[in-house]
N, C-alpha and C. Protein backbone atom coordinates (compact mmCIF):
# COMPACT_ATOMS: atom_id res chain seq x y z
N MET A 1 79.00 62.49 77.67
CA MET A 1 80.05 61.38 78.62
C MET A 1 79.34 60.66 79.08
N ILE A 2 79.87 59.34 79.44
CA ILE A 2 79.10 58.67 79.65
C ILE A 2 79.87 57.94 80.85
N LEU A 3 78.60 57.95 81.99
CA LEU A 3 79.26 57.61 83.21
C LEU A 3 79.30 56.49 83.86
N ALA A 4 80.50 55.28 84.61
CA ALA A 4 79.89 54.89 84.61
C ALA A 4 79.18 54.25 85.70
N PRO A 5 78.54 53.32 86.10
CA PRO A 5 77.18 52.35 86.87
C PRO A 5 77.62 52.62 88.28
N MET A 6 76.90 53.01 88.85
CA MET A 6 76.53 53.18 90.19
C MET A 6 75.94 51.75 91.17
N ARG A 7 77.47 51.22 92.63
CA ARG A 7 77.28 50.15 92.55
C ARG A 7 77.31 49.74 93.47
N PHE A 8 76.85 49.23 94.45
CA PHE A 8 77.53 49.10 95.88
C PHE A 8 77.64 47.16 96.67
N LYS A 9 77.78 46.77 96.70
CA LYS A 9 78.35 45.48 97.56
C LYS A 9 78.81 44.63 96.10
N SER A 10 77.87 43.87 95.84
CA SER A 10 77.78 42.63 95.04
C SER A 10 76.52 43.66 93.41
N PHE A 11 75.60 44.27 94.06
CA PHE A 11 74.84 44.96 92.57
C PHE A 11 75.23 46.44 92.67
N VAL A 12 75.71 45.93 91.18
CA VAL A 12 75.31 46.79 89.76
C VAL A 12 73.74 47.35 89.86
N TRP A 13 73.60 48.73 89.27
CA TRP A 13 73.00 49.36 88.73
C TRP A 13 72.75 49.07 87.02
N PRO A 14 71.91 48.47 86.32
CA PRO A 14 71.70 48.68 85.35
C PRO A 14 71.53 49.54 84.43
N HIS A 15 71.45 50.75 85.13
CA HIS A 15 71.19 52.96 84.41
C HIS A 15 71.52 53.10 86.32
N ASN A 16 71.59 54.19 85.46
CA ASN A 16 72.47 54.98 86.83
C ASN A 16 70.75 55.48 87.26
N PRO A 17 70.71 55.47 88.46
CA PRO A 17 69.36 57.10 88.87
C PRO A 17 69.51 57.53 88.88
N ARG A 18 68.47 58.59 88.24
CA ARG A 18 68.34 59.86 88.22
C ARG A 18 68.42 61.21 88.98
N VAL A 19 68.60 61.14 89.87
CA VAL A 19 68.10 61.62 90.91
C VAL A 19 69.38 62.00 92.22
N TYR A 20 70.61 61.96 92.89
CA TYR A 20 70.78 62.32 93.73
C TYR A 20 70.64 63.67 94.48
N SER A 21 71.34 63.45 95.42
CA SER A 21 71.65 64.78 96.46
C SER A 21 72.43 64.04 97.99
N ILE A 22 73.34 64.66 97.93
CA ILE A 22 74.41 64.86 98.94
C ILE A 22 74.14 65.96 100.58
N THR A 23 73.80 65.16 101.47
CA THR A 23 74.52 65.85 102.47
C THR A 23 75.25 66.34 103.27
N PHE A 24 75.60 67.02 102.93
CA PHE A 24 77.38 67.52 104.70
C PHE A 24 76.77 67.67 105.43
N GLU A 25 76.96 68.14 106.49
CA GLU A 25 76.33 68.77 108.19
C GLU A 25 78.38 68.86 108.53
N ARG A 26 77.66 69.92 109.01
CA ARG A 26 78.30 70.19 110.21
C ARG A 26 78.19 70.91 112.25
N LYS A 27 78.28 70.34 112.74
CA LYS A 27 77.34 70.44 114.10
C LYS A 27 78.06 72.03 115.05
N LEU A 28 77.42 72.93 115.06
CA LEU A 28 77.68 74.19 115.21
C LEU A 28 77.20 74.15 116.53
N ALA A 29 78.25 75.14 117.68
CA ALA A 29 77.74 75.95 119.18
C ALA A 29 77.74 77.26 119.55
N VAL A 30 76.78 77.72 119.86
CA VAL A 30 76.28 78.84 119.81
C VAL A 30 76.88 79.16 121.11
N HIS A 31 77.66 79.84 121.29
CA HIS A 31 77.85 80.71 122.71
C HIS A 31 78.17 82.50 122.79
N LYS A 32 76.95 83.06 123.54
CA LYS A 32 76.57 84.05 123.57
C LYS A 32 77.67 84.74 124.86
N ILE A 33 78.21 85.83 124.11
CA ILE A 33 78.81 86.75 125.26
C ILE A 33 78.49 88.52 125.51
N PRO A 34 79.11 88.82 126.39
CA PRO A 34 78.33 90.27 126.79
C PRO A 34 77.99 90.84 125.47
N PHE A 35 76.75 92.05 126.02
CA PHE A 35 76.06 92.76 124.64
C PHE A 35 75.84 92.07 123.78
N GLY A 36 75.25 91.18 123.42
CA GLY A 36 74.70 90.96 122.63
C GLY A 36 75.14 90.33 121.25
N LEU A 37 76.81 89.73 121.79
CA LEU A 37 77.31 89.33 121.05
C LEU A 37 77.42 87.62 120.75
N HIS A 38 77.61 86.94 120.06
CA HIS A 38 78.15 85.74 120.31
C HIS A 38 79.21 84.81 119.24
N TYR A 39 79.88 83.37 119.74
CA TYR A 39 81.29 83.26 118.39
C TYR A 39 80.73 81.82 118.62
N LEU A 40 80.65 81.12 117.47
CA LEU A 40 79.88 79.88 116.56
C LEU A 40 82.30 79.41 117.04
N GLN A 41 80.99 77.86 117.43
CA GLN A 41 82.13 76.71 117.33
C GLN A 41 82.15 75.30 116.66
N SER A 42 83.31 75.47 116.36
CA SER A 42 82.74 73.61 115.71
C SER A 42 82.92 72.36 116.04
N LEU A 43 81.60 71.99 116.29
CA LEU A 43 81.79 71.07 116.71
C LEU A 43 82.35 69.42 116.14
N GLY A 44 82.15 69.58 114.97
CA GLY A 44 82.65 68.48 114.20
C GLY A 44 81.85 67.78 112.90
N GLN A 45 82.69 67.58 111.86
CA GLN A 45 81.72 67.10 110.87
C GLN A 45 80.91 66.55 110.92
N THR A 46 79.77 66.02 110.49
CA THR A 46 78.87 64.63 110.52
C THR A 46 78.37 63.67 109.79
N ARG A 47 78.60 62.24 109.70
CA ARG A 47 78.16 61.65 108.14
C ARG A 47 77.10 62.02 107.05
N ARG A 48 78.15 62.09 105.91
CA ARG A 48 77.65 62.78 104.86
C ARG A 48 76.62 61.42 104.19
N VAL A 49 75.35 61.84 103.52
CA VAL A 49 74.02 61.41 103.62
C VAL A 49 74.22 61.32 102.27
N LEU A 50 74.07 60.81 100.98
CA LEU A 50 73.57 59.38 99.96
C LEU A 50 72.03 59.81 99.85
N ARG A 51 71.37 60.27 99.10
CA ARG A 51 70.05 60.13 98.60
C ARG A 51 69.66 59.93 97.04
N GLY A 52 69.00 59.01 96.66
CA GLY A 52 68.68 59.59 94.96
C GLY A 52 67.28 58.66 94.70
N GLU A 53 66.18 59.10 94.32
CA GLU A 53 65.66 57.85 93.10
C GLU A 53 65.90 57.95 91.88
N GLY A 54 65.41 56.57 91.09
CA GLY A 54 65.59 56.52 90.12
C GLY A 54 64.10 55.32 89.98
N GLU A 55 64.49 54.36 88.64
CA GLU A 55 64.06 53.28 87.94
C GLU A 55 64.25 52.29 87.43
N PHE A 56 64.15 51.45 87.97
CA PHE A 56 63.65 49.98 86.99
C PHE A 56 62.69 49.76 85.72
N VAL A 57 63.49 49.77 84.72
CA VAL A 57 62.26 49.87 83.76
C VAL A 57 62.93 48.15 82.76
N GLY A 58 61.78 47.44 82.32
CA GLY A 58 61.67 46.62 81.51
C GLY A 58 61.24 44.99 81.77
N GLU A 59 61.09 43.88 81.27
CA GLU A 59 61.28 42.44 81.75
C GLU A 59 61.32 42.23 83.08
N LYS A 60 62.25 42.87 83.33
CA LYS A 60 62.67 42.15 84.48
C LYS A 60 62.99 42.84 85.75
N ALA A 61 62.22 44.99 85.66
CA ALA A 61 61.86 45.61 86.24
C ALA A 61 61.81 44.97 87.97
N TYR A 62 60.88 44.36 88.40
CA TYR A 62 60.43 43.97 90.06
C TYR A 62 61.76 43.40 89.91
N ASP A 63 62.24 41.81 89.69
CA ASP A 63 63.32 41.34 89.82
C ASP A 63 65.02 41.94 90.50
N THR A 64 64.95 43.03 89.41
CA THR A 64 66.34 43.87 90.03
C THR A 64 65.96 44.55 91.08
N PHE A 65 64.84 45.07 91.61
CA PHE A 65 64.84 45.82 92.61
C PHE A 65 64.58 44.73 93.67
N LYS A 66 64.00 43.60 93.50
CA LYS A 66 63.97 42.99 94.88
C LYS A 66 66.11 42.59 95.20
N LYS A 67 66.39 42.68 93.97
CA LYS A 67 67.99 41.59 93.69
C LYS A 67 69.14 43.08 94.85
N LEU A 68 67.67 44.68 94.76
CA LEU A 68 68.48 45.39 95.65
C LEU A 68 68.63 45.23 96.71
N ALA A 69 67.39 44.43 96.85
CA ALA A 69 66.91 44.56 98.85
C ALA A 69 67.56 43.20 99.43
N VAL A 70 67.45 42.64 98.61
CA VAL A 70 68.46 41.43 99.49
C VAL A 70 70.10 42.74 99.91
N VAL A 71 70.48 42.93 99.39
CA VAL A 71 71.56 43.68 99.49
C VAL A 71 72.09 44.20 100.69
N PHE A 72 70.16 45.27 100.57
CA PHE A 72 69.86 45.72 101.41
C PHE A 72 69.58 45.86 102.97
N TYR A 73 69.35 44.66 103.52
CA TYR A 73 69.17 43.96 104.13
C TYR A 73 70.50 42.82 104.71
N GLU A 74 71.68 42.92 103.96
CA GLU A 74 72.52 42.43 104.33
C GLU A 74 73.74 43.71 105.63
N GLU A 75 73.49 42.94 106.51
CA GLU A 75 73.54 43.08 108.14
C GLU A 75 75.55 44.07 108.19
N ALA A 76 76.66 44.55 106.75
CA ALA A 76 77.51 45.39 107.16
C ALA A 76 77.68 46.04 106.18
N PRO A 77 78.35 47.41 105.92
CA PRO A 77 78.21 48.22 105.62
C PRO A 77 79.45 47.82 104.37
N GLY A 78 79.70 48.51 103.19
CA GLY A 78 79.98 47.86 102.25
C GLY A 78 81.19 49.24 101.10
N VAL A 79 81.32 48.90 100.43
CA VAL A 79 81.45 50.27 98.96
C VAL A 79 80.77 49.96 98.25
N LEU A 80 81.26 51.70 98.34
CA LEU A 80 80.19 52.44 97.09
C LEU A 80 80.46 52.96 96.51
N VAL A 81 80.34 53.18 94.98
CA VAL A 81 81.10 53.46 94.17
C VAL A 81 80.01 54.32 93.24
N HIS A 82 80.02 55.39 93.20
CA HIS A 82 78.57 56.52 93.06
C HIS A 82 79.75 57.00 91.28
N PRO A 83 78.85 57.51 90.57
CA PRO A 83 79.87 57.46 89.06
C PRO A 83 80.09 59.14 89.04
N VAL A 84 79.17 60.13 90.61
CA VAL A 84 79.99 61.46 90.17
C VAL A 84 80.48 61.96 91.88
N TRP A 85 80.45 61.21 92.45
CA TRP A 85 81.05 61.23 93.81
C TRP A 85 81.88 59.57 94.61
N MET A 86 82.90 61.02 95.22
CA MET A 86 83.88 59.68 95.90
C MET A 86 83.58 57.90 96.23
N THR A 87 84.33 57.77 95.86
CA THR A 87 84.12 56.05 96.30
C THR A 87 84.53 55.81 97.78
N THR A 88 83.55 55.02 98.46
CA THR A 88 83.12 55.32 99.93
C THR A 88 82.82 53.58 100.57
N THR A 89 83.30 53.96 101.41
CA THR A 89 82.54 52.36 102.39
C THR A 89 81.65 53.90 103.22
N ALA A 90 80.10 52.84 102.95
CA ALA A 90 79.00 53.32 103.66
C ALA A 90 77.56 52.00 104.01
N TRP A 91 77.16 52.57 104.57
CA TRP A 91 76.09 51.57 104.99
C TRP A 91 74.77 51.64 104.28
N PHE A 92 73.82 51.27 103.95
CA PHE A 92 73.12 51.30 102.72
C PHE A 92 71.27 51.20 103.71
N ALA A 93 71.10 52.73 104.15
CA ALA A 93 70.92 53.02 105.61
C ALA A 93 68.69 53.08 104.61
N GLY A 94 68.79 52.96 103.89
CA GLY A 94 67.17 53.23 103.14
C GLY A 94 67.04 53.02 102.22
N LEU A 95 65.90 52.24 101.52
CA LEU A 95 65.85 51.67 100.35
C LEU A 95 64.49 51.51 100.42
N GLU A 96 63.05 53.04 99.96
CA GLU A 96 61.33 52.86 99.35
C GLU A 96 61.29 52.57 98.16
N LEU A 97 59.87 52.17 98.23
CA LEU A 97 59.53 51.26 96.70
C LEU A 97 58.95 52.25 96.69
N ARG A 98 58.48 53.15 95.58
CA ARG A 98 58.01 54.64 95.42
C ARG A 98 56.13 54.79 94.64
N GLN A 99 55.95 53.33 94.84
CA GLN A 99 54.65 52.86 93.80
C GLN A 99 53.90 51.02 93.79
N ALA A 100 53.39 51.29 93.12
CA ALA A 100 53.14 49.19 93.57
C ALA A 100 53.47 48.94 92.52
N PRO A 101 54.44 47.44 93.05
CA PRO A 101 55.02 47.39 92.35
C PRO A 101 54.35 46.83 91.34
N ARG A 102 55.08 46.64 89.70
CA ARG A 102 54.94 46.21 88.22
C ARG A 102 55.91 45.32 88.16
N ARG A 103 55.63 44.21 87.25
CA ARG A 103 56.79 43.82 86.70
C ARG A 103 57.89 44.35 86.06
N ASP A 104 57.42 45.04 85.05
CA ASP A 104 58.36 46.07 83.73
C ASP A 104 58.03 47.62 84.78
N TYR A 105 58.24 47.77 85.90
CA TYR A 105 58.20 48.72 86.08
C TYR A 105 58.30 49.46 88.15
N VAL A 106 59.84 49.32 88.41
CA VAL A 106 59.47 50.25 89.44
C VAL A 106 59.85 51.15 90.34
N ALA A 107 59.64 52.53 90.69
CA ALA A 107 59.96 53.49 90.84
C ALA A 107 60.61 52.97 92.87
N TYR A 108 61.71 53.54 93.05
CA TYR A 108 62.49 53.36 94.11
C TYR A 108 63.00 54.71 94.84
N SER A 109 63.15 54.39 95.70
CA SER A 109 64.95 56.17 96.70
C SER A 109 65.55 54.44 97.54
N PHE A 110 66.56 55.83 97.95
CA PHE A 110 66.87 55.05 98.65
C PHE A 110 68.51 56.26 99.13
N GLU A 111 68.85 55.18 100.13
CA GLU A 111 70.11 56.47 101.28
C GLU A 111 70.98 55.70 101.84
N PHE A 112 72.01 56.32 101.72
CA PHE A 112 73.17 55.90 101.98
C PHE A 112 73.88 56.30 103.33
N TRP A 113 74.43 55.75 104.25
CA TRP A 113 75.35 56.79 105.32
C TRP A 113 76.67 56.36 105.06
N GLU A 114 77.76 57.45 104.59
CA GLU A 114 78.53 56.84 104.23
C GLU A 114 79.42 57.14 106.36
N VAL A 115 80.25 55.48 106.38
CA VAL A 115 81.31 55.01 107.31
C VAL A 115 82.57 56.19 107.73
N GLU A 116 82.68 56.84 108.69
CA GLU A 116 83.29 57.51 109.19
C GLU A 116 84.27 56.75 110.53
N GLY A 117 85.03 55.18 110.03
CA GLY A 117 86.12 54.77 110.03
C GLY A 117 86.20 54.60 111.51
N GLY A 118 84.38 54.10 112.17
CA GLY A 118 84.52 54.17 114.08
C GLY A 118 84.36 52.66 113.63
N ALA A 119 83.90 52.08 114.69
CA ALA A 119 83.60 50.33 115.08
C ALA A 119 83.87 49.92 113.78
N GLY A 120 85.50 49.28 113.66
CA GLY A 120 86.43 48.29 112.98
C GLY A 120 86.14 49.42 111.78
N GLN A 121 85.60 50.09 111.81
CA GLN A 121 85.85 50.38 109.90
C GLN A 121 86.74 51.21 109.31
N THR A 122 87.19 51.17 108.23
CA THR A 122 88.42 52.16 107.53
C THR A 122 87.69 52.47 106.60
N LYS A 123 87.56 53.98 106.73
CA LYS A 123 87.39 54.48 104.99
C LYS A 123 88.36 54.41 104.18
N LEU A 124 87.29 54.25 103.34
CA LEU A 124 88.55 54.07 101.95
C LEU A 124 89.09 54.91 101.23
N THR A 125 88.33 56.06 100.95
CA THR A 125 88.72 56.74 100.21
C THR A 125 87.33 57.91 100.01
N THR A 126 87.78 59.04 100.84
CA THR A 126 87.05 60.60 100.04
C THR A 126 87.44 61.39 100.48
N ARG A 127 88.05 61.64 98.77
CA ARG A 127 88.70 62.54 98.51
C ARG A 127 88.11 62.69 96.90
N ALA A 128 87.23 64.67 96.97
CA ALA A 128 87.10 64.85 95.58
C ALA A 128 87.83 64.52 94.34
N VAL A 129 87.34 64.92 93.40
CA VAL A 129 88.28 65.00 92.04
C VAL A 129 88.71 65.66 91.74
N ALA A 130 88.72 67.37 92.21
CA ALA A 130 89.18 68.29 91.26
C ALA A 130 90.69 68.12 92.01
N VAL A 131 91.20 67.97 91.37
CA VAL A 131 92.84 67.36 92.00
C VAL A 131 93.86 69.27 90.89
N SER A 132 94.47 70.08 91.79
CA SER A 132 95.36 70.95 91.25
C SER A 132 96.28 70.68 91.01
N ASP A 133 97.67 70.06 89.95
CA ASP A 133 98.92 70.06 90.11
C ASP A 133 99.70 70.32 90.74
N GLY A 134 100.43 69.05 90.46
CA GLY A 134 101.59 69.17 91.83
C GLY A 134 101.10 69.44 93.68
N ALA A 135 100.35 68.24 93.23
CA ALA A 135 99.35 68.01 94.93
C ALA A 135 100.41 67.47 94.89
N ALA A 136 100.32 67.05 96.23
CA ALA A 136 101.05 65.81 97.25
C ALA A 136 100.42 63.75 96.37
N GLY A 137 101.26 63.26 96.72
CA GLY A 137 101.14 62.25 95.80
C GLY A 137 100.63 62.41 94.07
N GLU A 138 101.48 62.95 93.09
CA GLU A 138 100.97 63.49 92.23
C GLU A 138 102.70 62.76 91.87
N ALA A 139 104.36 62.81 93.06
CA ALA A 139 105.01 61.98 92.47
C ALA A 139 105.00 60.54 91.47
N VAL A 140 104.97 60.51 90.02
CA VAL A 140 105.58 59.86 88.95
C VAL A 140 106.88 59.56 88.70
N ALA A 141 107.38 57.94 89.03
CA ALA A 141 108.57 57.36 88.73
C ALA A 141 108.40 56.77 87.32
N GLU A 142 109.18 57.14 87.20
CA GLU A 142 110.02 56.82 85.65
C GLU A 142 110.75 55.30 85.60
N THR A 143 109.85 54.46 85.33
CA THR A 143 110.55 53.12 85.21
C THR A 143 111.26 52.60 83.25
N GLY A 144 111.76 52.27 83.18
CA GLY A 144 111.55 51.96 81.88
C GLY A 144 111.58 52.97 80.98
N GLU A 145 109.98 52.25 80.61
CA GLU A 145 109.15 52.98 79.66
C GLU A 145 107.47 53.19 80.39
N ALA A 146 107.43 52.42 82.14
CA ALA A 146 106.12 52.42 82.49
C ALA A 146 106.23 53.56 83.59
N GLN A 147 105.28 54.31 84.54
CA GLN A 147 105.37 55.67 84.83
C GLN A 147 104.18 54.88 85.97
N TYR A 148 104.49 54.79 86.51
CA TYR A 148 103.96 54.42 87.98
C TYR A 148 103.75 56.24 88.85
N HIS A 149 102.48 55.88 89.57
CA HIS A 149 101.90 57.42 90.49
C HIS A 149 101.81 56.32 92.33
N ALA A 150 102.60 57.75 93.03
CA ALA A 150 102.30 56.88 94.32
C ALA A 150 101.30 57.54 95.33
N VAL A 151 100.52 56.88 95.41
CA VAL A 151 98.74 56.77 96.17
C VAL A 151 99.11 57.19 97.58
N VAL A 152 98.62 58.61 97.21
CA VAL A 152 98.59 59.24 99.25
C VAL A 152 97.33 58.17 99.46
N ARG A 153 96.84 59.76 100.26
CA ARG A 153 95.14 58.36 100.90
C ARG A 153 94.53 59.57 100.22
N GLY A 154 93.41 59.14 99.75
CA GLY A 154 92.48 58.98 99.03
C GLY A 154 91.99 59.18 97.19
N ASP A 155 93.15 58.57 96.87
CA ASP A 155 93.23 58.94 95.78
C ASP A 155 92.28 57.37 95.12
N THR A 156 91.81 57.84 94.09
CA THR A 156 91.39 56.50 93.51
C THR A 156 91.20 56.14 92.35
N LEU A 157 91.55 54.96 91.74
CA LEU A 157 91.48 54.73 90.26
C LEU A 157 90.61 55.07 89.58
N TRP A 158 89.61 55.60 89.97
CA TRP A 158 88.44 56.47 88.99
C TRP A 158 89.05 57.55 89.17
N GLU A 159 89.49 58.60 89.83
CA GLU A 159 90.54 59.68 90.13
C GLU A 159 91.29 60.01 89.54
N LEU A 160 92.24 58.80 88.50
CA LEU A 160 93.88 59.17 89.10
C LEU A 160 93.76 58.28 87.08
N SER A 161 92.32 57.91 86.73
CA SER A 161 92.16 58.38 85.23
C SER A 161 91.83 59.44 84.46
N LYS A 162 90.96 60.10 85.51
CA LYS A 162 91.04 61.23 84.91
C LYS A 162 91.64 62.11 85.10
N ARG A 163 91.86 62.22 86.07
CA ARG A 163 93.92 63.10 86.19
C ARG A 163 95.07 62.74 84.85
N TYR A 164 94.82 61.50 84.86
CA TYR A 164 96.51 61.22 83.42
C TYR A 164 95.75 60.81 82.66
N GLY A 165 94.27 60.93 82.21
CA GLY A 165 93.81 61.29 80.88
C GLY A 165 93.71 59.91 80.31
N MET A 166 93.02 59.18 80.91
CA MET A 166 93.64 57.34 80.47
C MET A 166 91.50 56.98 81.38
N ALA A 167 91.48 55.81 80.40
CA ALA A 167 90.30 55.57 80.65
C ALA A 167 90.64 54.69 82.17
N LEU A 168 89.54 53.83 82.63
CA LEU A 168 89.20 53.51 84.04
C LEU A 168 89.95 51.97 83.77
N SER A 169 89.25 51.60 82.87
CA SER A 169 89.56 50.10 82.13
C SER A 169 90.94 49.61 81.98
N ARG A 170 91.49 50.25 81.68
CA ARG A 170 93.39 50.62 81.39
C ARG A 170 94.16 50.51 82.20
N ILE A 171 93.48 51.90 82.88
CA ILE A 171 94.87 51.38 84.58
C ILE A 171 94.11 50.22 85.30
N ILE A 172 93.10 49.10 85.04
CA ILE A 172 92.39 48.00 85.92
C ILE A 172 93.01 47.60 85.21
N GLU A 173 93.77 47.26 83.93
CA GLU A 173 94.82 46.30 82.94
C GLU A 173 95.53 46.56 82.84
N LEU A 174 96.27 47.85 83.28
CA LEU A 174 97.72 47.94 83.69
C LEU A 174 98.40 47.54 84.98
N ASN A 175 96.87 47.26 85.68
CA ASN A 175 97.82 46.29 86.97
C ASN A 175 96.53 45.52 87.73
N PRO A 176 97.51 44.28 86.79
CA PRO A 176 96.22 42.89 87.13
C PRO A 176 96.57 43.19 88.83
N SER A 177 97.65 43.47 89.60
CA SER A 177 97.43 42.95 91.21
C SER A 177 96.75 43.71 91.83
N ILE A 178 96.04 44.73 91.35
CA ILE A 178 94.86 45.15 92.54
C ILE A 178 93.79 44.51 92.02
N ARG A 179 93.47 43.50 93.15
CA ARG A 179 92.05 42.58 92.93
C ARG A 179 90.90 43.53 93.05
N ASN A 180 91.29 44.51 93.67
CA ASN A 180 89.81 45.53 94.15
C ASN A 180 90.26 46.36 93.79
N PRO A 181 89.90 47.30 92.00
CA PRO A 181 89.75 48.16 92.24
C PRO A 181 89.51 49.34 93.33
N ASN A 182 87.96 49.64 93.41
CA ASN A 182 87.94 50.33 94.58
C ASN A 182 89.21 50.04 95.37
N LEU A 183 89.79 49.73 96.00
CA LEU A 183 90.66 50.09 97.30
C LEU A 183 92.45 49.95 97.08
N ILE A 184 92.93 50.72 97.12
CA ILE A 184 93.96 51.33 96.94
C ILE A 184 95.31 51.58 98.24
N TYR A 185 96.09 51.78 98.47
CA TYR A 185 96.61 51.60 99.39
C TYR A 185 98.17 52.70 99.80
N PRO A 186 97.31 53.90 100.35
CA PRO A 186 98.57 55.31 100.25
C PRO A 186 100.08 53.84 100.60
N GLY A 187 100.95 54.37 99.46
CA GLY A 187 102.44 54.21 99.24
C GLY A 187 102.76 53.06 98.22
N GLN A 188 100.98 52.77 97.72
CA GLN A 188 100.95 51.65 96.60
C GLN A 188 101.41 52.43 95.15
N LYS A 189 101.76 51.67 94.48
CA LYS A 189 102.94 52.37 93.01
C LYS A 189 102.35 52.37 91.83
N VAL A 190 100.99 52.41 91.24
CA VAL A 190 99.81 51.96 90.42
C VAL A 190 100.64 52.36 88.84
N ARG A 191 100.49 51.92 88.36
CA ARG A 191 101.07 51.47 87.05
C ARG A 191 100.05 53.01 86.29
N ILE A 192 100.64 53.64 85.35
CA ILE A 192 99.72 54.44 84.68
C ILE A 192 99.91 54.23 83.15
N THR A 193 100.91 54.09 83.09
CA THR A 193 101.40 53.78 81.79
C THR A 193 102.22 53.35 81.18
């Protein structure tokens, strides 16, 4: 299987990082009750964190790392497109050079923190790829020969390409009115045939 390249803002990885970890966390409070018993109270989920490691290899490896560092220094969150994880809005929270820089080889690590709808930011999409048949939003309206998918919150074009068994590039081609393939809205109609 060939995975799409990882992207953040204007930077597209020439090849995907080799290691990923995603941290999900929920804060819990412990309340003691008589006779040594207790109960747990959920205080809610906190941010999700994507960490990873990779290498840039080749004649311009260090130049590629410098381009990634320029994106890191931008003072705003952006759209993070991960080949396996969901597309989301995130802050580029950490970038580390893992060895002395060489022109032809750079080992690095990175960290992204997902934005959870605060400070005027909107979470773009936050839904895992696995979808069961008959789920909300799978209504497809037929108009002549074309078929459309009614977008629900959390849908992504990548997810739709997997669900309907077609290439992402084909969905993008069928929907020229979608200027940013990483941003679709609930209620929007996406052509799938």
